[in-house]
Amino acid sequence: MRAIVCDKFDSPDKLKISERDMPVPADDEVLIRVKAAGLGYVDALTVAGLYQIKPPLPFIPGNEISGVIEQTGESVRHLRAGQRILAMPRQGGLAEYICLHESQCTPIPEALTHESAASFLINYCTAYHGLTYCGQLEAKETILILGASGGVGVAAIDIAKALGAEVIAAASTKKKRDACLEAGADHVVDYTKADWRKDLEKILDGRPLNVVYDPVGGEFSEPAFRALGPDGRFLVVGFAAGEIARLPLNLPLLKRSAVIGVNWGAYVAANPLESRPVLTTLLEWIAEGRLNPQAGESYPLNKTGTAMMKMLNRKAIGKVVIAINPEE
């Protein structure tokens, strides 16, 4: 089978397709023909050797997939061949086939395309966990989402709107801001402008800013925190800007505001039983039309390196998906 194999930590544009042996499922596993794999910023950082966790080499990247079950192990009882599923393997998703334990697989409705399924799992679970459990976002509250045109930001827009919040999306170009409005944001702001907080204040028109969702970090975090109203919640999601922000600790004191880390992966690792209810809720919301996950830019398997470089350069809009065995 074809797979993307990372033999050494290097620039993602050097990734190439390699041939690997076809995997064989154990008794409690299923063999999945991967249709699509979602890419996250962490995937690109890991390949480049820039992420804080470095997997043993060589490895096949990709921890978010959608596909069709080709074969089931003898003890598998809850899945069948031909079933459409999504899954979150630790790695190995950027390959034509993968074997996973049946407990890692979740059936998906026919209405959800494979590319949409592969694009929603991590970002939507993170956004749901961040906005409900961590941020306690309520209907009619106002939220500012930084880096809102990327896959992480678009998912946060969708979840925040489903919760009934008013969404202000921050993005750096008109094309990105238009994408945010299309995704459902109520307002947009260019947070690369020196005086962007004045634009934010005009949008708020005297109302408090209740929540900030920050997957960007760097120079954008402190001004966003300063814009928070009393009792606001600042959600730290990631550092796409490449720099970890430093906040003066007098700000949380003066504003009576909280800084909260959003780490869905670590939360699930510590509380394994919590993942299934969240995923069930999200799939129910999709079926009800409350959520509308959409894949962003799609690339073939041999363009994985190109896609990752676009993410590292912060040029991607929406969730990037690799189409491995595209829909027939």
Protein backbone atom coordinates (compact mmCIF):
# COMPACT_ATOMS: atom_id res chain seq x y z
CA MET A 1 0.00 0.00 0.00
CA ARG A 2 0.99 3.64 -0.41
CA ALA A 3 1.80 5.72 2.65
CA ILE A 4 3.52 8.93 3.70
CA VAL A 5 6.50 7.95 5.83
CA CYS A 6 8.54 10.40 7.90
CA ASP A 7 12.07 8.93 8.09
CA LYS A 8 13.64 11.99 9.71
CA PHE A 9 12.44 15.27 11.15
CA ASP A 10 12.70 17.79 8.34
CA SER A 11 10.74 20.30 6.30
CA PRO A 12 7.38 18.71 5.35
CA ASP A 13 7.87 19.56 1.67
CA LYS A 14 10.42 16.73 1.56
CA LEU A 15 7.82 14.08 2.38
CA LYS A 16 7.30 11.41 -0.27
CA ILE A 17 5.07 8.41 -0.82
CA SER A 18 6.55 5.05 0.15
CA GLU A 19 5.33 1.48 -0.29
CA ARG A 20 4.50 -0.43 2.89
CA ASP A 21 3.16 -3.91 3.57
CA MET A 22 -0.59 -4.27 3.80
CA PRO A 23 -1.63 -4.38 7.49
CA VAL A 24 -3.49 -7.42 8.82
CA PRO A 25 -6.13 -6.92 11.54
CA ALA A 26 -5.84 -8.70 14.90
CA ASP A 27 -8.90 -10.47 16.33
CA ASP A 28 -10.20 -7.26 17.96
CA GLU A 29 -9.30 -4.94 15.08
CA VAL A 30 -10.76 -3.83 11.78
CA LEU A 31 -8.97 -3.15 8.52
CA ILE A 32 -9.97 0.28 7.22
CA ARG A 33 -9.59 1.59 3.71
CA VAL A 34 -8.80 5.21 4.44
CA LYS A 35 -10.81 7.63 2.36
CA ALA A 36 -9.61 10.91 3.83
CA ALA A 37 -7.26 12.15 6.53
CA GLY A 38 -7.57 15.49 8.29
CA LEU A 39 -4.37 17.47 8.87
CA GLY A 40 -3.72 19.62 11.90
CA TYR A 41 -1.06 22.20 12.58
CA VAL A 42 0.48 19.76 15.04
CA ASP A 43 0.97 17.22 12.23
CA ALA A 44 3.13 19.67 10.30
CA LEU A 45 5.08 20.70 13.41
CA THR A 46 5.72 17.04 14.29
CA VAL A 47 7.09 16.19 10.85
CA ALA A 48 9.34 19.25 11.01
CA GLY A 49 10.61 18.21 14.45
CA LEU A 50 9.25 21.40 16.01
CA TYR A 51 6.59 19.86 18.24
CA GLN A 52 7.25 19.24 21.93
CA ILE A 53 6.54 15.52 21.51
CA LYS A 54 8.66 13.61 18.98
CA PRO A 55 7.49 10.13 17.97
CA PRO A 56 10.05 7.40 17.25
CA LEU A 57 11.27 7.33 13.65
CA PRO A 58 10.18 6.25 11.13
CA PHE A 59 6.46 6.87 11.44
CA ILE A 60 3.39 7.44 9.29
CA PRO A 61 1.76 10.78 10.26
CA GLY A 62 -1.98 11.30 10.48
CA ASN A 63 -4.25 10.95 13.51
CA GLU A 64 -7.66 11.82 12.09
CA ILE A 65 -9.27 9.62 9.44
CA SER A 66 -12.49 8.62 7.77
CA GLY A 67 -12.88 5.44 5.78
CA VAL A 68 -14.68 2.18 5.06
CA ILE A 69 -14.19 -1.09 6.93
CA GLU A 70 -12.76 -3.73 4.59
CA GLN A 71 -12.34 -6.61 7.04
CA THR A 72 -13.11 -7.38 10.68
CA GLY A 73 -11.21 -9.52 13.17
CA GLU A 74 -12.85 -12.67 14.52
CA SER A 75 -13.84 -11.13 17.88
CA VAL A 76 -15.23 -7.86 16.49
CA ARG A 77 -18.94 -7.66 17.29
CA HIS A 78 -20.07 -4.04 16.85
CA LEU A 79 -18.76 -3.23 13.38
CA ARG A 80 -19.12 -4.82 9.96
CA ALA A 81 -17.43 -4.77 6.59
CA GLY A 82 -18.66 -1.92 4.38
CA GLN A 83 -19.43 0.37 7.32
CA ARG A 84 -18.37 4.02 7.06
CA ILE A 85 -16.43 5.16 10.12
CA LEU A 86 -14.24 7.89 11.52
CA ALA A 87 -11.38 7.34 13.93
CA MET A 88 -8.51 9.05 15.67
CA PRO A 89 -5.39 6.84 15.57
CA ARG A 90 -2.24 8.00 17.35
CA GLN A 91 -0.51 7.94 13.94
CA GLY A 92 -0.69 6.04 10.65
CA GLY A 93 -3.60 7.88 9.04
CA LEU A 94 -1.73 9.04 5.93
CA ALA A 95 -1.85 5.62 4.32
CA GLU A 96 -4.24 3.72 2.08
CA TYR A 97 -5.06 1.22 4.84
CA ILE A 98 -4.84 1.08 8.62
CA CYS A 99 -5.84 -1.43 11.32
CA LEU A 100 -7.49 -0.12 14.48
CA HIS A 101 -9.20 -1.56 17.54
CA GLU A 102 -12.96 -1.54 17.09
CA SER A 103 -13.38 0.76 20.10
CA GLN A 104 -11.50 3.50 18.23
CA CYS A 105 -14.04 3.58 15.39
CA THR A 106 -17.30 5.51 15.25
CA PRO A 107 -19.91 4.91 12.52
CA ILE A 108 -20.86 8.03 10.59
CA PRO A 109 -24.15 8.92 8.88
CA GLU A 110 -24.43 8.72 5.11
CA ALA A 111 -25.15 12.45 4.99
CA LEU A 112 -21.61 13.20 6.20
CA THR A 113 -18.99 12.99 3.45
CA HIS A 114 -15.69 11.29 4.20
CA GLU A 115 -13.79 14.56 3.76
CA SER A 116 -16.13 16.38 6.16
CA ALA A 117 -15.90 13.51 8.66
CA ALA A 118 -12.10 13.52 8.56
CA SER A 119 -12.03 17.28 8.98
CA PHE A 120 -14.21 17.61 12.05
CA LEU A 121 -13.18 15.14 14.73
CA ILE A 122 -10.27 16.78 16.60
CA ASN A 123 -11.15 20.42 15.99
CA TYR A 124 -14.82 20.02 16.83
CA CYS A 125 -14.20 17.94 19.95
CA THR A 126 -11.62 20.51 21.06
CA ALA A 127 -13.99 23.40 20.40
CA TYR A 128 -16.90 21.71 22.16
CA HIS A 129 -14.76 20.79 25.16
CA GLY A 130 -13.17 24.25 25.23
CA LEU A 131 -16.33 26.28 24.88
CA THR A 132 -18.65 24.21 27.09
CA TYR A 133 -16.50 22.52 29.75
CA CYS A 134 -13.61 25.00 29.99
CA GLY A 135 -15.14 28.29 28.90
CA GLN A 136 -18.74 27.82 30.07
CA LEU A 137 -19.91 29.81 27.03
CA GLU A 138 -23.60 30.66 27.25
CA ALA A 139 -26.22 31.80 24.77
CA LYS A 140 -26.10 35.54 24.01
CA GLU A 141 -22.55 35.89 25.30
CA THR A 142 -19.89 37.35 23.03
CA ILE A 143 -16.78 35.46 21.97
CA LEU A 144 -13.67 36.57 20.08
CA ILE A 145 -11.98 33.80 18.07
CA LEU A 146 -8.38 34.45 16.99
CA GLY A 147 -7.06 32.81 13.82
CA ALA A 148 -10.67 32.12 13.00
CA SER A 149 -10.24 31.14 9.34
CA GLY A 150 -8.18 28.01 10.06
CA GLY A 151 -9.59 24.58 10.82
CA VAL A 152 -9.46 25.19 14.58
CA GLY A 153 -11.14 28.57 14.25
CA VAL A 154 -13.88 27.50 11.85
CA ALA A 155 -14.85 24.67 14.20
CA ALA A 156 -15.02 27.14 17.09
CA ILE A 157 -17.26 29.44 15.03
CA ASP A 158 -19.64 26.56 14.29
CA ILE A 159 -19.79 25.35 17.90
CA ALA A 160 -20.15 28.87 19.33
CA LYS A 161 -23.07 29.62 17.00
CA ALA A 162 -24.70 26.31 17.93
CA LEU A 163 -24.48 27.40 21.56
CA GLY A 164 -26.22 30.69 20.72
CA ALA A 165 -23.24 33.02 21.18
CA GLU A 166 -22.38 36.13 19.20
CA VAL A 167 -19.14 35.47 17.31
CA ILE A 168 -16.42 37.96 16.43
CA ALA A 169 -13.85 36.34 14.14
CA ALA A 170 -10.30 37.70 13.89
CA ALA A 171 -8.35 36.98 10.71
CA SER A 172 -5.51 38.61 8.80
CA THR A 173 -6.80 38.98 5.21
CA LYS A 174 -10.08 39.85 3.52
CA LYS A 175 -10.22 36.38 1.97
CA LYS A 176 -9.88 34.81 5.40
CA ARG A 177 -12.43 37.16 6.96
CA ASP A 178 -14.91 36.41 4.17
CA ALA A 179 -14.41 32.69 4.92
CA CYS A 180 -15.23 33.39 8.57
CA LEU A 181 -18.47 35.14 7.64
CA GLU A 182 -19.37 32.23 5.37
CA ALA A 183 -18.73 29.88 8.29
CA GLY A 184 -21.28 31.78 10.38
CA ALA A 185 -19.39 34.52 12.23
CA ASP A 186 -21.47 37.59 13.08
CA HIS A 187 -18.57 40.06 12.80
CA VAL A 188 -14.97 40.06 11.59
CA VAL A 189 -11.93 42.09 12.57
CA ASP A 190 -8.41 42.41 11.15
CA TYR A 191 -6.21 41.69 14.15
CA THR A 192 -3.02 42.53 12.28
CA LYS A 193 -3.91 46.23 12.35
CA ALA A 194 -2.09 48.27 14.99
CA ASP A 195 -5.36 49.67 16.33
CA TRP A 196 -7.54 46.59 15.83
CA ARG A 197 -8.94 46.81 19.36
CA LYS A 198 -10.72 50.04 18.36
CA ASP A 199 -12.56 48.09 15.66
CA LEU A 200 -13.40 45.45 18.26
CA GLU A 201 -14.75 48.10 20.63
CA LYS A 202 -17.03 49.46 17.87
CA ILE A 203 -18.42 45.98 17.31
CA LEU A 204 -19.01 45.43 21.03
CA ASP A 205 -20.68 48.85 21.38
CA GLY A 206 -20.39 48.91 25.15
CA ARG A 207 -21.13 45.22 25.73
CA PRO A 208 -18.54 43.04 27.50
CA LEU A 209 -16.40 40.52 25.68
CA ASN A 210 -17.03 37.30 27.60
CA VAL A 211 -14.70 34.73 26.03
CA VAL A 212 -11.54 34.67 23.91
CA TYR A 213 -10.62 31.48 22.04
CA ASP A 214 -6.91 31.68 21.22
CA PRO A 215 -5.19 29.05 19.06
CA VAL A 216 -2.63 31.61 17.83
CA GLY A 217 -0.63 33.04 20.75
CA GLY A 218 2.31 35.36 20.08
CA GLU A 219 1.71 39.08 19.97
CA PHE A 220 -2.06 38.71 19.61
CA SER A 221 -2.81 37.18 23.01
CA GLU A 222 -2.22 40.13 25.33
CA PRO A 223 -4.33 42.70 23.45
CA ALA A 224 -7.10 40.13 23.16
CA PHE A 225 -6.93 39.48 26.90
CA ARG A 226 -7.01 43.22 27.59
CA ALA A 227 -10.25 43.40 25.59
CA LEU A 228 -11.98 40.91 27.91
CA GLY A 229 -14.73 42.16 30.17
CA PRO A 230 -14.96 41.43 33.91
CA ASP A 231 -15.29 37.71 34.71
CA GLY A 232 -14.18 36.88 31.18
CA ARG A 233 -12.57 33.58 30.20
CA PHE A 234 -9.42 33.40 28.09
CA LEU A 235 -9.01 29.98 26.47
CA VAL A 236 -5.47 28.97 25.50
CA VAL A 237 -5.75 26.49 22.62
CA GLY A 238 -2.41 26.66 20.83
CA PHE A 239 0.43 28.74 19.45
CA ALA A 240 0.09 28.86 15.67
CA ALA A 241 2.04 32.12 15.62
CA GLY A 242 5.08 30.13 16.74
CA GLU A 243 5.57 32.07 19.94
CA ILE A 244 4.18 31.41 23.41
CA ALA A 245 2.53 34.55 24.74
CA ARG A 246 3.41 36.05 28.11
CA LEU A 247 0.65 37.77 30.04
CA PRO A 248 1.16 40.20 32.94
CA LEU A 249 -0.55 38.43 35.84
CA ASN A 250 -2.02 41.67 37.13
CA LEU A 251 -4.47 41.56 34.22
CA PRO A 252 -6.41 38.48 35.40
CA LEU A 253 -6.48 40.02 38.88
CA LEU A 254 -7.78 43.41 37.78
CA LYS A 255 -10.31 41.96 35.35
CA ARG A 256 -11.42 39.07 37.58
CA SER A 257 -10.81 36.95 34.52
CA ALA A 258 -9.56 33.41 34.10
CA VAL A 259 -6.87 31.92 31.86
CA ILE A 260 -7.81 28.33 31.02
CA GLY A 261 -5.87 25.76 29.00
CA VAL A 262 -7.83 23.72 26.45
CA ASN A 263 -6.17 20.36 25.83
CA TRP A 264 -8.76 17.88 24.61
CA GLY A 265 -6.22 15.12 23.93
CA ALA A 266 -4.80 15.23 27.45
CA TYR A 267 -8.28 15.49 28.97
CA VAL A 268 -9.45 12.38 27.14
CA ALA A 269 -6.27 10.51 28.08
CA ALA A 270 -7.03 11.27 31.73
CA ASN A 271 -10.79 10.68 31.35
CA PRO A 272 -11.24 8.06 28.58
CA LEU A 273 -14.97 7.67 29.16
CA GLU A 274 -15.61 11.35 28.39
CA SER A 275 -14.85 11.14 24.66
CA ARG A 276 -17.83 9.06 23.58
CA PRO A 277 -20.56 11.40 24.98
CA VAL A 278 -18.92 14.41 23.32
CA LEU A 279 -18.68 12.67 19.96
CA THR A 280 -22.26 11.41 20.27
CA THR A 281 -23.49 14.94 20.98
CA LEU A 282 -21.61 16.37 18.00
CA LEU A 283 -22.98 13.73 15.61
CA GLU A 284 -26.49 14.39 16.94
CA TRP A 285 -26.05 18.12 16.34
CA ILE A 286 -24.88 17.40 12.79
CA ALA A 287 -27.95 15.22 12.18
CA GLU A 288 -30.18 17.99 13.58
CA GLY A 289 -28.53 20.61 11.35
CA ARG A 290 -27.10 22.58 14.30
CA LEU A 291 -23.57 22.02 13.01
CA ASN A 292 -22.25 22.05 9.47
CA PRO A 293 -18.68 20.74 9.35
CA GLN A 294 -17.05 21.39 6.00
CA ALA A 295 -13.68 20.30 4.69
CA GLY A 296 -11.42 23.15 3.65
CA GLU A 297 -8.74 22.66 1.05
CA SER A 298 -8.26 19.12 -0.23
CA TYR A 299 -5.02 17.60 -1.55
CA PRO A 300 -4.06 14.19 -2.95
CA LEU A 301 -1.71 11.99 -0.94
CA ASN A 302 1.36 12.96 -3.00
CA LYS A 303 0.77 16.64 -2.10
CA THR A 304 0.80 16.09 1.67
CA GLY A 305 4.06 18.02 2.06
CA THR A 306 2.66 20.96 0.10
CA ALA A 307 -0.43 21.00 2.31
CA MET A 308 1.63 20.93 5.49
CA MET A 309 3.84 23.78 4.30
CA LYS A 310 0.77 25.87 3.56
CA MET A 311 -0.38 25.30 7.13
CA LEU A 312 3.01 26.19 8.61
CA ASN A 313 3.01 29.38 6.54
CA ARG A 314 -0.50 30.15 7.82
CA LYS A 315 -1.93 30.29 4.31
CA ALA A 316 -4.54 27.55 4.70
CA ILE A 317 -8.23 28.36 5.06
CA GLY A 318 -10.43 25.86 6.85
CA LYS A 319 -9.44 22.32 7.74
CA VAL A 320 -6.93 20.79 5.33
CA VAL A 321 -7.83 17.29 4.18
CA ILE A 322 -5.80 14.68 2.30
CA ALA A 323 -7.96 12.63 -0.07
CA ILE A 324 -6.34 9.18 -0.06
CA ASN A 325 -8.97 6.92 -1.60
CA PRO A 326 -11.43 9.57 -2.84
CA GLU A 327 -15.14 8.96 -3.07
CA GLU A 328 -16.09 6.87 -6.09
